[in-house]
Amino acid sequence: MREDFDGEGLRRLARQTKDAAQARRLLALASIYDGGSRSDAARLGNVTLQIVRDWVMRFNERGPQGLINGKAPGPQSRLNDQKRAALAQAIERGPTPYLDGVVRWRLCDLVQWLWEEFRISVSEQTLSREVRAMGYRKLAARPKHHAQDPQAIEEFKKSSPPRWQKLPLERHEASK
């Protein structure tokens, strides 16, 4: 166990922390610092001896921060930097209609492009997350009816009511 901590210091940290799991682990390790056995710490933490050993290893490596539950890293991305760069270049260049069979990229088209180019299978949801992380956003033109009359649009628009304004002093006096 580390020499730069003691049982009382760990109890103080356990009182200050907002993470309940970290507080439980700190209290279990504090009992070891105070001369208790690892079996006592395991009983206090309601875990097995192996888990107490893991806590001690994490505490020795990273201190009290090592006792906080971290987020699992998850699976590694199927797209590396080279493939992301090729995808960005394809998005910037746009599709070639006679080769790609589309006039604009959709996620399903890009999924197909990735398969044909790199033999990588990704879902549309995953590709959407990757494309957004690269700084791209889905933009679509708002549909417009072919017989839409611009004059009718202007006449239909509602104008805002005029703002209430103070009358100039001379007009105000004349209105009385």
Protein backbone atom coordinates (compact mmCIF):
# COMPACT_ATOMS: atom_id res chain seq x y z
CA MET A 1 0.00 0.00 0.00
CA ARG A 2 1.13 3.56 -0.67
CA GLU A 3 3.11 5.38 1.99
CA ASP A 4 1.66 8.83 1.23
CA PHE A 5 -1.79 7.97 2.67
CA ASP A 6 -3.07 6.79 6.03
CA GLY A 7 -6.38 5.46 7.37
CA GLU A 8 -7.59 8.84 8.64
CA GLY A 9 -6.75 10.55 5.36
CA LEU A 10 -8.72 7.93 3.41
CA ARG A 11 -11.71 8.35 5.74
CA ARG A 12 -11.58 12.12 5.17
CA LEU A 13 -11.54 11.55 1.39
CA ALA A 14 -14.46 9.12 1.72
CA ARG A 15 -16.50 11.81 3.53
CA GLN A 16 -15.73 14.39 0.85
CA THR A 17 -16.42 12.30 -2.24
CA LYS A 18 -19.75 12.32 -4.08
CA ASP A 19 -19.14 8.83 -5.52
CA ALA A 20 -20.62 6.19 -3.20
CA ALA A 21 -18.61 3.33 -4.71
CA GLN A 22 -15.36 5.25 -4.26
CA ALA A 23 -16.28 6.05 -0.63
CA ARG A 24 -16.94 2.35 0.09
CA ARG A 25 -13.60 1.39 -1.42
CA LEU A 26 -11.73 4.11 0.45
CA LEU A 27 -13.27 2.97 3.76
CA ALA A 28 -12.28 -0.64 3.06
CA LEU A 29 -8.70 0.42 2.31
CA ALA A 30 -8.67 2.62 5.41
CA SER A 31 -9.35 -0.47 7.52
CA ILE A 32 -6.25 -2.10 5.98
CA TYR A 33 -4.16 0.99 6.80
CA ASP A 34 -5.38 0.76 10.40
CA GLY A 35 -4.02 -2.77 10.74
CA GLY A 36 -7.00 -4.82 9.60
CA SER A 37 -6.65 -7.76 7.28
CA ARG A 38 -7.71 -7.84 3.68
CA SER A 39 -10.41 -10.30 4.69
CA ASP A 40 -11.81 -7.64 7.04
CA ALA A 41 -11.69 -5.09 4.21
CA ALA A 42 -13.49 -7.56 1.92
CA ARG A 43 -16.22 -8.07 4.54
CA LEU A 44 -16.51 -4.30 5.06
CA GLY A 45 -16.73 -3.67 1.29
CA ASN A 46 -19.04 -6.69 0.82
CA VAL A 47 -16.75 -8.10 -1.90
CA THR A 48 -14.26 -10.94 -2.39
CA LEU A 49 -10.56 -10.90 -1.57
CA GLN A 50 -9.70 -10.73 -5.27
CA ILE A 51 -11.68 -7.52 -5.66
CA VAL A 52 -9.93 -5.98 -2.64
CA ARG A 53 -6.61 -6.93 -4.25
CA ASP A 54 -7.74 -5.19 -7.47
CA TRP A 55 -8.69 -2.07 -5.44
CA VAL A 56 -5.27 -2.04 -3.80
CA MET A 57 -3.56 -2.35 -7.20
CA ARG A 58 -5.65 0.49 -8.67
CA PHE A 59 -5.10 2.62 -5.56
CA ASN A 60 -1.34 2.07 -5.69
CA GLU A 61 -1.21 3.01 -9.38
CA ARG A 62 -3.53 6.03 -9.51
CA GLY A 63 -4.34 6.97 -5.92
CA PRO A 64 -7.93 7.69 -4.82
CA GLN A 65 -8.94 8.53 -8.41
CA GLY A 66 -8.20 4.92 -9.35
CA LEU A 67 -11.11 3.79 -7.19
CA ILE A 68 -13.72 5.62 -9.28
CA ASN A 69 -15.65 3.50 -11.75
CA GLY A 70 -14.61 4.50 -15.25
CA LYS A 71 -16.65 4.22 -18.38
CA ALA A 72 -15.97 1.06 -20.38
CA PRO A 73 -14.04 1.88 -23.56
CA GLY A 74 -16.36 -0.12 -25.81
CA PRO A 75 -15.35 -1.69 -29.10
CA GLN A 76 -12.69 -0.04 -31.22
CA SER A 77 -13.90 1.94 -34.22
CA ARG A 78 -13.82 0.15 -37.55
CA LEU A 79 -12.74 3.35 -39.30
CA ASN A 80 -9.13 4.38 -38.81
CA ASP A 81 -7.74 7.81 -39.71
CA GLN A 82 -6.93 6.78 -43.28
CA LYS A 83 -10.45 5.50 -43.89
CA ARG A 84 -11.99 8.58 -42.26
CA ALA A 85 -9.92 10.79 -44.56
CA ALA A 86 -11.10 8.81 -47.60
CA LEU A 87 -14.70 9.11 -46.39
CA ALA A 88 -14.32 12.86 -45.90
CA GLN A 89 -12.87 13.18 -49.37
CA ALA A 90 -15.77 11.20 -50.85
CA ILE A 91 -18.29 13.39 -49.01
CA GLU A 92 -16.58 16.59 -50.17
CA ARG A 93 -16.30 15.36 -53.76
CA GLY A 94 -19.90 14.15 -53.83
CA PRO A 95 -21.19 11.13 -55.69
CA THR A 96 -20.61 10.51 -59.36
CA PRO A 97 -24.10 9.60 -60.62
CA TYR A 98 -23.06 7.15 -63.32
CA LEU A 99 -20.60 5.35 -61.01
CA ASP A 100 -22.29 5.54 -57.61
CA GLY A 101 -25.87 5.43 -58.86
CA VAL A 102 -26.99 8.37 -56.69
CA VAL A 103 -27.11 12.13 -57.10
CA ARG A 104 -26.57 12.97 -53.44
CA TRP A 105 -25.06 11.06 -50.53
CA ARG A 106 -27.39 9.53 -47.97
CA LEU A 107 -26.18 7.48 -45.04
CA CYS A 108 -27.32 4.25 -46.69
CA ASP A 109 -25.32 5.20 -49.81
CA LEU A 110 -22.21 5.94 -47.75
CA VAL A 111 -22.59 2.61 -45.93
CA GLN A 112 -22.64 0.91 -49.34
CA TRP A 113 -19.65 3.00 -50.50
CA LEU A 114 -17.64 1.95 -47.43
CA TRP A 115 -18.45 -1.69 -48.15
CA GLU A 116 -17.42 -1.45 -51.78
CA GLU A 117 -14.30 0.59 -51.03
CA PHE A 118 -12.93 -1.08 -47.88
CA ARG A 119 -15.16 -4.14 -47.25
CA ILE A 120 -16.18 -2.61 -43.90
CA SER A 121 -19.71 -3.17 -42.67
CA VAL A 122 -21.07 -0.39 -40.43
CA SER A 123 -24.62 0.50 -39.50
CA GLU A 124 -26.22 3.76 -40.58
CA GLN A 125 -26.43 4.83 -36.94
CA THR A 126 -22.71 4.26 -36.40
CA LEU A 127 -21.83 6.02 -39.64
CA SER A 128 -24.06 8.94 -38.65
CA ARG A 129 -22.14 9.27 -35.37
CA GLU A 130 -18.79 9.10 -37.20
CA VAL A 131 -19.82 11.64 -39.85
CA ARG A 132 -21.11 14.05 -37.17
CA ALA A 133 -17.84 13.66 -35.25
CA MET A 134 -15.99 14.62 -38.44
CA GLY A 135 -17.97 17.88 -38.49
CA TYR A 136 -20.54 17.11 -41.19
CA ARG A 137 -24.26 17.70 -40.76
CA LYS A 138 -27.19 16.44 -42.74
CA LEU A 139 -28.49 19.24 -44.93
CA ALA A 140 -31.53 18.83 -47.12
CA ALA A 141 -33.27 21.35 -49.30
CA ARG A 142 -36.78 22.12 -48.22
CA PRO A 143 -39.20 20.72 -50.79
CA LYS A 144 -41.00 23.29 -52.93
CA HIS A 145 -44.13 22.72 -54.97
CA HIS A 146 -43.59 23.31 -58.68
CA ALA A 147 -46.66 25.54 -58.98
CA GLN A 148 -45.94 27.68 -55.94
CA ASP A 149 -46.79 31.36 -56.44
CA PRO A 150 -44.22 33.76 -54.88
CA GLN A 151 -46.78 36.59 -54.81
CA ALA A 152 -49.25 34.48 -52.82
CA ILE A 153 -46.50 33.69 -50.30
CA GLU A 154 -45.77 37.38 -49.71
CA GLU A 155 -49.47 38.20 -49.30
CA PHE A 156 -49.95 35.35 -46.85
CA LYS A 157 -47.04 36.36 -44.58
CA LYS A 158 -48.22 37.93 -41.38
CA SER A 159 -46.55 41.16 -40.44
CA SER A 160 -45.66 41.84 -36.83
CA PRO A 161 -47.72 44.49 -35.02
CA PRO A 162 -45.92 47.82 -34.73
CA ARG A 163 -43.96 48.38 -31.55
CA TRP A 164 -45.44 50.72 -29.02
CA GLN A 165 -43.58 54.00 -29.21
CA LYS A 166 -43.72 57.21 -27.29
CA LEU A 167 -45.27 60.00 -29.24
CA PRO A 168 -43.09 63.04 -29.88
CA LEU A 169 -43.81 65.69 -27.26
CA GLU A 170 -45.62 68.13 -29.59
CA ARG A 171 -47.94 65.39 -31.02
CA HIS A 172 -48.65 64.18 -27.51
CA GLU A 173 -49.72 67.67 -26.42
CA ALA A 174 -51.94 68.11 -29.49
CA SER A 175 -53.80 64.85 -28.85
CA LYS A 176 -55.04 66.02 -25.43
